[in-house]
Amino acid sequence: MNRATTIRLERVEDGAWRATQPDVELVGRGATAARAAANYCELVAETGGSPGT
């Protein structure tokens, strides 16, 4: 099943990036926005694609 989603990317105080989604407790982190988004997607995959449950 294909689903669209929005990942929020924020630069944090130390210059790193954080990737989040509303109402989801997972947080991706990385030195770049792309790495933070990739880390977030890896975390979602590790939870079986259901981060909110």
PDB file of N, CA and C in Angstrom:
ATOM      1  N   MET A   1       0.837  -1.167   0.000  1.00  0.00           N
ATOM      2  CA  MET A   1       0.000   0.000   0.000  1.00  0.00           C
ATOM      3  C   MET A   1       0.893   1.245   0.000  1.00  0.00           C
ATOM      4  N   ASN A   2       0.587   2.185  -0.853  1.00  0.00           N
ATOM      5  CA  ASN A   2       1.325   3.445  -0.891  1.00  0.00           C
ATOM      6  C   ASN A   2       0.593   4.487  -0.064  1.00  0.00           C
ATOM      7  N   ARG A   3       1.352   5.237   0.711  1.00  0.00           N
ATOM      8  CA  ARG A   3       0.787   6.317   1.509  1.00  0.00           C
ATOM      9  C   ARG A   3       1.703   7.524   1.408  1.00  0.00           C
ATOM     10  N   ALA A   4       1.115   8.690   1.419  1.00  0.00           N
ATOM     11  CA  ALA A   4       1.892   9.925   1.441  1.00  0.00           C
ATOM     12  C   ALA A   4       1.952  10.431   2.877  1.00  0.00           C
ATOM     13  N   THR A   5       3.053  11.078   3.203  1.00  0.00           N
ATOM     14  CA  THR A   5       3.205  11.624   4.545  1.00  0.00           C
ATOM     15  C   THR A   5       4.093  12.857   4.486  1.00  0.00           C
ATOM     16  N   THR A   6       4.093  13.603   5.537  1.00  0.00           N
ATOM     17  CA  THR A   6       4.953  14.778   5.650  1.00  0.00           C
ATOM     18  C   THR A   6       5.902  14.572   6.816  1.00  0.00           C
ATOM     19  N   ILE A   7       7.168  14.772   6.563  1.00  0.00           N
ATOM     20  CA  ILE A   7       8.178  14.707   7.617  1.00  0.00           C
ATOM     21  C   ILE A   7       8.643  16.130   7.882  1.00  0.00           C
ATOM     22  N   ARG A   8       8.584  16.542   9.131  1.00  0.00           N
ATOM     23  CA  ARG A   8       9.031  17.882   9.514  1.00  0.00           C
ATOM     24  C   ARG A   8      10.528  17.836   9.786  1.00  0.00           C
ATOM     25  N   LEU A   9      11.275  18.724   9.141  1.00  0.00           N
ATOM     26  CA  LEU A   9      12.721  18.818   9.334  1.00  0.00           C
ATOM     27  C   LEU A   9      13.032  20.121  10.054  1.00  0.00           C
ATOM     28  N   GLU A  10      13.771  20.013  11.146  1.00  0.00           N
ATOM     29  CA  GLU A  10      14.116  21.191  11.946  1.00  0.00           C
ATOM     30  C   GLU A  10      15.605  21.177  12.263  1.00  0.00           C
ATOM     31  N   ARG A  11      16.227  22.325  12.132  1.00  0.00           N
ATOM     32  CA  ARG A  11      17.620  22.453  12.551  1.00  0.00           C
ATOM     33  C   ARG A  11      17.618  22.753  14.045  1.00  0.00           C
ATOM     34  N   VAL A  12      18.407  21.999  14.800  1.00  0.00           N
ATOM     35  CA  VAL A  12      18.450  22.184  16.251  1.00  0.00           C
ATOM     36  C   VAL A  12      19.660  23.030  16.634  1.00  0.00           C
ATOM     37  N   GLU A  13      19.714  23.412  17.895  1.00  0.00           N
ATOM     38  CA  GLU A  13      20.717  24.374  18.357  1.00  0.00           C
ATOM     39  C   GLU A  13      22.155  23.999  18.043  1.00  0.00           C
ATOM     40  N   ASP A  14      22.479  22.713  18.068  1.00  0.00           N
ATOM     41  CA  ASP A  14      23.868  22.310  17.825  1.00  0.00           C
ATOM     42  C   ASP A  14      24.207  22.235  16.336  1.00  0.00           C
ATOM     43  N   GLY A  15      23.259  22.608  15.460  1.00  0.00           N
ATOM     44  CA  GLY A  15      23.502  22.599  14.024  1.00  0.00           C
ATOM     45  C   GLY A  15      23.083  21.316  13.338  1.00  0.00           C
ATOM     46  N   ALA A  16      22.736  20.298  14.124  1.00  0.00           N
ATOM     47  CA  ALA A  16      22.256  19.037  13.557  1.00  0.00           C
ATOM     48  C   ALA A  16      20.799  19.217  13.118  1.00  0.00           C
ATOM     49  N   TRP A  17      20.241  18.174  12.523  1.00  0.00           N
ATOM     50  CA  TRP A  17      18.859  18.203  12.068  1.00  0.00           C
ATOM     51  C   TRP A  17      18.043  17.139  12.778  1.00  0.00           C
ATOM     52  N   ARG A  18      16.742  17.415  12.887  1.00  0.00           N
ATOM     53  CA  ARG A  18      15.803  16.492  13.512  1.00  0.00           C
ATOM     54  C   ARG A  18      14.624  16.306  12.555  1.00  0.00           C
ATOM     55  N   ALA A  19      14.186  15.067  12.381  1.00  0.00           N
ATOM     56  CA  ALA A  19      13.043  14.744  11.528  1.00  0.00           C
ATOM     57  C   ALA A  19      11.939  14.142  12.392  1.00  0.00           C
ATOM     58  N   THR A  20      10.741  14.717  12.302  1.00  0.00           N
ATOM     59  CA  THR A  20       9.614  14.248  13.105  1.00  0.00           C
ATOM     60  C   THR A  20       8.337  14.270  12.274  1.00  0.00           C
ATOM     61  N   GLN A  21       7.292  13.683  12.848  1.00  0.00           N
ATOM     62  CA  GLN A  21       5.941  13.765  12.303  1.00  0.00           C
ATOM     63  C   GLN A  21       5.010  14.069  13.458  1.00  0.00           C
ATOM     64  N   PRO A  22       3.934  14.813  13.198  1.00  0.00           N
ATOM     65  CA  PRO A  22       2.967  15.073  14.262  1.00  0.00           C
ATOM     66  C   PRO A  22       2.397  13.765  14.813  1.00  0.00           C
ATOM     67  N   ASP A  23       2.237  13.703  16.099  1.00  0.00           N
ATOM     68  CA  ASP A  23       1.621  12.561  16.793  1.00  0.00           C
ATOM     69  C   ASP A  23       2.408  11.260  16.680  1.00  0.00           C
ATOM     70  N   VAL A  24       3.685  11.333  16.333  1.00  0.00           N
ATOM     71  CA  VAL A  24       4.548  10.152  16.261  1.00  0.00           C
ATOM     72  C   VAL A  24       5.743  10.414  17.168  1.00  0.00           C
ATOM     73  N   GLU A  25       6.058   9.469  18.037  1.00  0.00           N
ATOM     74  CA  GLU A  25       7.115   9.679  19.025  1.00  0.00           C
ATOM     75  C   GLU A  25       8.522   9.447  18.491  1.00  0.00           C
ATOM     76  N   LEU A  26       8.664   8.963  17.268  1.00  0.00           N
ATOM     77  CA  LEU A  26       9.991   8.719  16.698  1.00  0.00           C
ATOM     78  C   LEU A  26      10.655  10.032  16.312  1.00  0.00           C
ATOM     79  N   VAL A  27      11.982  10.077  16.443  1.00  0.00           N
ATOM     80  CA  VAL A  27      12.753  11.257  16.052  1.00  0.00           C
ATOM     81  C   VAL A  27      13.983  10.790  15.292  1.00  0.00           C
ATOM     82  N   GLY A  28      14.088  11.213  14.039  1.00  0.00           N
ATOM     83  CA  GLY A  28      15.286  10.936  13.260  1.00  0.00           C
ATOM     84  C   GLY A  28      16.289  12.054  13.473  1.00  0.00           C
ATOM     85  N   ARG A  29      17.560  11.711  13.495  1.00  0.00           N
ATOM     86  CA  ARG A  29      18.600  12.718  13.723  1.00  0.00           C
ATOM     87  C   ARG A  29      19.715  12.539  12.710  1.00  0.00           C
ATOM     88  N   GLY A  30      20.345  13.653  12.351  1.00  0.00           N
ATOM     89  CA  GLY A  30      21.459  13.563  11.422  1.00  0.00           C
ATOM     90  C   GLY A  30      22.171  14.889  11.265  1.00  0.00           C
ATOM     91  N   ALA A  31      23.359  14.829  10.674  1.00  0.00           N
ATOM     92  CA  ALA A  31      24.166  16.025  10.451  1.00  0.00           C
ATOM     93  C   ALA A  31      23.576  16.899   9.346  1.00  0.00           C
ATOM     94  N   THR A  32      22.765  16.297   8.476  1.00  0.00           N
ATOM     95  CA  THR A  32      22.084  17.036   7.412  1.00  0.00           C
ATOM     96  C   THR A  32      20.600  16.699   7.475  1.00  0.00           C
ATOM     97  N   ALA A  33      19.787  17.516   6.812  1.00  0.00           N
ATOM     98  CA  ALA A  33      18.353  17.241   6.775  1.00  0.00           C
ATOM     99  C   ALA A  33      18.082  15.893   6.113  1.00  0.00           C
ATOM    100  N   ALA A  34      18.817  15.598   5.052  1.00  0.00           N
ATOM    101  CA  ALA A  34      18.624  14.324   4.350  1.00  0.00           C
ATOM    102  C   ALA A  34      18.963  13.137   5.245  1.00  0.00           C
ATOM    103  N   ARG A  35      20.031  13.242   6.007  1.00  0.00           N
ATOM    104  CA  ARG A  35      20.401  12.141   6.909  1.00  0.00           C
ATOM    105  C   ARG A  35      19.384  11.983   8.036  1.00  0.00           C
ATOM    106  N   ALA A  36      18.849  13.091   8.528  1.00  0.00           N
ATOM    107  CA  ALA A  36      17.822  13.005   9.569  1.00  0.00           C
ATOM    108  C   ALA A  36      16.566  12.333   9.016  1.00  0.00           C
ATOM    109  N   ALA A  37      16.172  12.685   7.797  1.00  0.00           N
ATOM    110  CA  ALA A  37      15.004  12.059   7.176  1.00  0.00           C
ATOM    111  C   ALA A  37      15.252  10.573   6.948  1.00  0.00           C
ATOM    112  N   ALA A  38      16.443  10.227   6.482  1.00  0.00           N
ATOM    113  CA  ALA A  38      16.778   8.814   6.265  1.00  0.00           C
ATOM    114  C   ALA A  38      16.749   8.048   7.584  1.00  0.00           C
ATOM    115  N   ASN A  39      17.299   8.648   8.646  1.00  0.00           N
ATOM    116  CA  ASN A  39      17.282   8.005   9.956  1.00  0.00           C
ATOM    117  C   ASN A  39      15.850   7.806  10.437  1.00  0.00           C
ATOM    118  N   TYR A  40      15.002   8.805  10.214  1.00  0.00           N
ATOM    119  CA  TYR A  40      13.596   8.684  10.595  1.00  0.00           C
ATOM    120  C   TYR A  40      12.944   7.509   9.862  1.00  0.00           C
ATOM    121  N   CYS A  41      13.184   7.415   8.557  1.00  0.00           N
ATOM    122  CA  CYS A  41      12.600   6.323   7.766  1.00  0.00           C
ATOM    123  C   CYS A  41      13.109   4.964   8.239  1.00  0.00           C
ATOM    124  N   GLU A  42      14.372   4.889   8.617  1.00  0.00           N
ATOM    125  CA  GLU A  42      14.918   3.638   9.160  1.00  0.00           C
ATOM    126  C   GLU A  42      14.201   3.256  10.453  1.00  0.00           C
ATOM    127  N   LEU A  43      13.939   4.233  11.302  1.00  0.00           N
ATOM    128  CA  LEU A  43      13.229   3.961  12.555  1.00  0.00           C
ATOM    129  C   LEU A  43      11.810   3.473  12.290  1.00  0.00           C
ATOM    130  N   VAL A  44      11.142   4.079  11.307  1.00  0.00           N
ATOM    131  CA  VAL A  44       9.796   3.633  10.944  1.00  0.00           C
ATOM    132  C   VAL A  44       9.847   2.190  10.457  1.00  0.00           C
ATOM    133  N   ALA A  45      10.830   1.865   9.620  1.00  0.00           N
ATOM    134  CA  ALA A  45      10.967   0.499   9.100  1.00  0.00           C
ATOM    135  C   ALA A  45      11.209  -0.496  10.235  1.00  0.00           C
ATOM    136  N   GLU A  46      12.000  -0.103  11.223  1.00  0.00           N
ATOM    137  CA  GLU A  46      12.292  -0.986  12.356  1.00  0.00           C
ATOM    138  C   GLU A  46      11.056  -1.275  13.198  1.00  0.00           C
ATOM    139  N   THR A  47      10.087  -0.367  13.185  1.00  0.00           N
ATOM    140  CA  THR A  47       8.864  -0.568  13.967  1.00  0.00           C
ATOM    141  C   THR A  47       7.784  -1.255  13.147  1.00  0.00           C
ATOM    142  N   GLY A  48       8.138  -1.731  11.973  1.00  0.00           N
ATOM    143  CA  GLY A  48       7.162  -2.415  11.130  1.00  0.00           C
ATOM    144  C   GLY A  48       6.271  -1.469  10.348  1.00  0.00           C
ATOM    145  N   GLY A  49       6.698  -0.228  10.220  1.00  0.00           N
ATOM    146  CA  GLY A  49       5.921   0.731   9.450  1.00  0.00           C
ATOM    147  C   GLY A  49       4.743   1.319  10.187  1.00  0.00           C
ATOM    148  N   SER A  50       4.654   1.065  11.484  1.00  0.00           N
ATOM    149  CA  SER A  50       3.543   1.584  12.277  1.00  0.00           C
ATOM    150  C   SER A  50       4.062   2.324  13.500  1.00  0.00           C
ATOM    151  N   PRO A  51       4.707   3.490  13.285  1.00  0.00           N
ATOM    152  CA  PRO A  51       5.325   4.179  14.413  1.00  0.00           C
ATOM    153  C   PRO A  51       4.346   4.694  15.448  1.00  0.00           C
ATOM    154  N   GLY A  52       3.080   4.882  15.100  1.00  0.00           N
ATOM    155  CA  GLY A  52       2.127   5.426  16.049  1.00  0.00           C
ATOM    156  C   GLY A  52       1.466   4.394  16.934  1.00  0.00           C
ATOM    157  N   THR A  53       1.821   3.124  16.758  1.00  0.00           N
ATOM    158  CA  THR A  53       1.157   2.091  17.558  1.00  0.00           C
ATOM    159  C   THR A  53       2.106   1.450  18.531  1.00  0.00           C
TER     160      THR A  53
END
